[in-house]
């Protein structure tokens, strides 16, 4: 299990289509607490493919969906998907079939 980011909050979008859906303006009060259950690092081409179409079933999301969910305290336990060499990434709460249910874009997490 990854080290949770204590008191970390992000704005999650339900059923986003692509990265641009996550970068829209939002209210600070709409943010939710999260922790990172696992980090998945992708090659550039795989990451580009991921962020341009969140509506595709992904095996790596399906394989790790059991690590994710919302706990009794309301904290979302997510996967962090990022490109190799990048500190930015996408937090994902997938369903059991490997589809993105909730996602949030975050800047500058630790490598």
C-alpha atoms as a PDB file:
ATOM      1  CA  UNK A   1       0.000   0.000   0.000  1.00  0.00           C
ATOM      2  CA  UNK A   2       1.291   3.447  -0.927  1.00  0.00           C
ATOM      3  CA  UNK A   3       1.877   6.172   1.617  1.00  0.00           C
ATOM      4  CA  UNK A   4      -1.398   8.114   1.851  1.00  0.00           C
ATOM      5  CA  UNK A   5      -1.196  11.850   1.297  1.00  0.00           C
ATOM      6  CA  UNK A   6      -2.595  13.096   4.602  1.00  0.00           C
ATOM      7  CA  UNK A   7      -5.222  15.837   4.242  1.00  0.00           C
ATOM      8  CA  UNK A   8      -4.929  15.744   0.448  1.00  0.00           C
ATOM      9  CA  UNK A   9      -7.961  16.921  -1.475  1.00  0.00           C
ATOM     10  CA  UNK A  10      -8.813  17.028  -5.157  1.00  0.00           C
ATOM     11  CA  UNK A  11     -11.762  17.785  -7.406  1.00  0.00           C
ATOM     12  CA  UNK A  12     -13.111  14.510  -8.815  1.00  0.00           C
ATOM     13  CA  UNK A  13     -15.177  14.357 -11.999  1.00  0.00           C
ATOM     14  CA  UNK A  14     -17.706  11.570 -12.495  1.00  0.00           C
ATOM     15  CA  UNK A  15     -17.328   9.620 -15.768  1.00  0.00           C
ATOM     16  CA  UNK A  16     -14.868  11.982 -17.494  1.00  0.00           C
ATOM     17  CA  UNK A  17     -14.044  11.475 -21.171  1.00  0.00           C
ATOM     18  CA  UNK A  18     -10.541  12.954 -21.348  1.00  0.00           C
ATOM     19  CA  UNK A  19      -8.006  15.011 -19.402  1.00  0.00           C
ATOM     20  CA  UNK A  20      -9.586  18.335 -20.393  1.00  0.00           C
ATOM     21  CA  UNK A  21     -12.704  17.356 -18.425  1.00  0.00           C
ATOM     22  CA  UNK A  22     -10.601  17.351 -15.252  1.00  0.00           C
ATOM     23  CA  UNK A  23      -9.032  20.783 -15.792  1.00  0.00           C
ATOM     24  CA  UNK A  24     -12.207  22.867 -15.731  1.00  0.00           C
ATOM     25  CA  UNK A  25     -12.895  25.467 -13.020  1.00  0.00           C
ATOM     26  CA  UNK A  26     -14.551  24.167  -9.863  1.00  0.00           C
ATOM     27  CA  UNK A  27     -15.429  25.307  -6.376  1.00  0.00           C
ATOM     28  CA  UNK A  28     -12.911  24.666  -3.625  1.00  0.00           C
ATOM     29  CA  UNK A  29     -15.747  23.204  -1.546  1.00  0.00           C
ATOM     30  CA  UNK A  30     -16.297  20.493  -4.198  1.00  0.00           C
ATOM     31  CA  UNK A  31     -12.989  18.810  -3.408  1.00  0.00           C
ATOM     32  CA  UNK A  32     -12.872  15.363  -1.768  1.00  0.00           C
ATOM     33  CA  UNK A  33     -10.228  13.771   0.452  1.00  0.00           C
ATOM     34  CA  UNK A  34      -8.156  11.018  -1.126  1.00  0.00           C
ATOM     35  CA  UNK A  35      -5.301   8.628  -0.528  1.00  0.00           C
ATOM     36  CA  UNK A  36      -3.216   6.841  -3.128  1.00  0.00           C
ATOM     37  CA  UNK A  37      -3.581   3.068  -2.930  1.00  0.00           C
ATOM     38  CA  UNK A  38      -1.101   2.443  -5.755  1.00  0.00           C
ATOM     39  CA  UNK A  39       0.874   4.380  -8.346  1.00  0.00           C
ATOM     40  CA  UNK A  40       0.899   3.080 -11.915  1.00  0.00           C
ATOM     41  CA  UNK A  41       3.603   4.561 -14.136  1.00  0.00           C
ATOM     42  CA  UNK A  42       3.057   4.366 -17.882  1.00  0.00           C
ATOM     43  CA  UNK A  43       5.267   4.922 -20.893  1.00  0.00           C
ATOM     44  CA  UNK A  44       4.596   8.208 -22.724  1.00  0.00           C
ATOM     45  CA  UNK A  45       2.509   6.670 -25.511  1.00  0.00           C
ATOM     46  CA  UNK A  46       0.393   4.653 -23.046  1.00  0.00           C
ATOM     47  CA  UNK A  47      -0.187   7.699 -20.841  1.00  0.00           C
ATOM     48  CA  UNK A  48      -1.161   9.835 -23.853  1.00  0.00           C
ATOM     49  CA  UNK A  49      -3.579   7.107 -24.912  1.00  0.00           C
ATOM     50  CA  UNK A  50      -5.055   7.008 -21.392  1.00  0.00           C
ATOM     51  CA  UNK A  51      -5.587  10.775 -20.971  1.00  0.00           C
ATOM     52  CA  UNK A  52      -7.184  11.187 -24.404  1.00  0.00           C
ATOM     53  CA  UNK A  53      -9.844   8.518 -23.786  1.00  0.00           C
ATOM     54  CA  UNK A  54     -10.944   7.622 -20.250  1.00  0.00           C
ATOM     55  CA  UNK A  55     -13.936   5.699 -21.659  1.00  0.00           C
ATOM     56  CA  UNK A  56     -11.909   2.638 -22.648  1.00  0.00           C
ATOM     57  CA  UNK A  57     -11.548  -0.429 -20.439  1.00  0.00           C
ATOM     58  CA  UNK A  58      -7.966  -0.692 -19.165  1.00  0.00           C
ATOM     59  CA  UNK A  59      -6.499  -3.943 -17.856  1.00  0.00           C
ATOM     60  CA  UNK A  60      -4.260  -2.177 -15.307  1.00  0.00           C
ATOM     61  CA  UNK A  61      -7.338  -0.474 -13.844  1.00  0.00           C
ATOM     62  CA  UNK A  62      -9.262  -3.745 -13.680  1.00  0.00           C
ATOM     63  CA  UNK A  63      -6.301  -5.525 -12.057  1.00  0.00           C
ATOM     64  CA  UNK A  64      -6.064  -2.902  -9.284  1.00  0.00           C
ATOM     65  CA  UNK A  65      -9.724  -1.964  -8.778  1.00  0.00           C
ATOM     66  CA  UNK A  66      -9.886  -4.015  -5.571  1.00  0.00           C
ATOM     67  CA  UNK A  67      -7.477  -1.571  -3.912  1.00  0.00           C
ATOM     68  CA  UNK A  68      -9.860   1.325  -4.480  1.00  0.00           C
ATOM     69  CA  UNK A  69     -13.038   2.589  -2.911  1.00  0.00           C
ATOM     70  CA  UNK A  70     -14.503   5.028  -0.433  1.00  0.00           C
ATOM     71  CA  UNK A  71     -13.971   4.358   3.262  1.00  0.00           C
ATOM     72  CA  UNK A  72     -16.322   5.090   6.168  1.00  0.00           C
ATOM     73  CA  UNK A  73     -14.651   8.470   6.680  1.00  0.00           C
ATOM     74  CA  UNK A  74     -15.389   9.526   3.097  1.00  0.00           C
ATOM     75  CA  UNK A  75     -11.789   9.242   1.882  1.00  0.00           C
ATOM     76  CA  UNK A  76     -11.412   7.980  -1.698  1.00  0.00           C
ATOM     77  CA  UNK A  77      -8.663   5.372  -2.079  1.00  0.00           C
ATOM     78  CA  UNK A  78      -7.455   5.794  -5.656  1.00  0.00           C
ATOM     79  CA  UNK A  79      -4.893   4.769  -8.210  1.00  0.00           C
ATOM     80  CA  UNK A  80      -2.436   7.425  -9.354  1.00  0.00           C
ATOM     81  CA  UNK A  81      -1.751   7.069 -13.064  1.00  0.00           C
ATOM     82  CA  UNK A  82       1.188   9.042 -14.383  1.00  0.00           C
ATOM     83  CA  UNK A  83       3.707   9.201 -17.173  1.00  0.00           C
ATOM     84  CA  UNK A  84       7.203   7.924 -16.485  1.00  0.00           C
ATOM     85  CA  UNK A  85       9.368  10.880 -15.370  1.00  0.00           C
ATOM     86  CA  UNK A  86       6.414  13.157 -14.552  1.00  0.00           C
ATOM     87  CA  UNK A  87       5.272  14.371 -11.153  1.00  0.00           C
ATOM     88  CA  UNK A  88       1.736  15.193 -12.338  1.00  0.00           C
ATOM     89  CA  UNK A  89      -0.909  12.540 -12.732  1.00  0.00           C
ATOM     90  CA  UNK A  90      -4.506  11.429 -12.731  1.00  0.00           C
ATOM     91  CA  UNK A  91      -6.206   9.991  -9.659  1.00  0.00           C
ATOM     92  CA  UNK A  92      -8.639   7.264 -10.679  1.00  0.00           C
ATOM     93  CA  UNK A  93     -11.402   5.385  -8.933  1.00  0.00           C
ATOM     94  CA  UNK A  94     -12.118   2.517 -11.378  1.00  0.00           C
ATOM     95  CA  UNK A  95     -14.937   0.016 -11.430  1.00  0.00           C
ATOM     96  CA  UNK A  96     -14.239  -3.735 -11.357  1.00  0.00           C
ATOM     97  CA  UNK A  97     -14.250  -3.922 -15.174  1.00  0.00           C
ATOM     98  CA  UNK A  98     -11.459  -1.371 -15.642  1.00  0.00           C
ATOM     99  CA  UNK A  99     -13.481   1.732 -16.499  1.00  0.00           C
ATOM    100  CA  UNK A 100     -12.972   5.161 -14.901  1.00  0.00           C
ATOM    101  CA  UNK A 101     -15.792   6.148 -12.544  1.00  0.00           C
ATOM    102  CA  UNK A 102     -14.147   9.163 -10.898  1.00  0.00           C
ATOM    103  CA  UNK A 103     -10.952  10.979 -11.834  1.00  0.00           C
ATOM    104  CA  UNK A 104      -8.996  14.056 -10.759  1.00  0.00           C
ATOM    105  CA  UNK A 105      -5.908  15.736 -12.179  1.00  0.00           C
ATOM    106  CA  UNK A 106      -3.190  16.538  -9.638  1.00  0.00           C
ATOM    107  CA  UNK A 107       0.048  18.461  -9.950  1.00  0.00           C
ATOM    108  CA  UNK A 108       3.445  17.713  -8.507  1.00  0.00           C
ATOM    109  CA  UNK A 109       3.144  14.530  -6.461  1.00  0.00           C
ATOM    110  CA  UNK A 110       6.283  12.794  -5.262  1.00  0.00           C
ATOM    111  CA  UNK A 111       7.904  10.382  -7.752  1.00  0.00           C
END
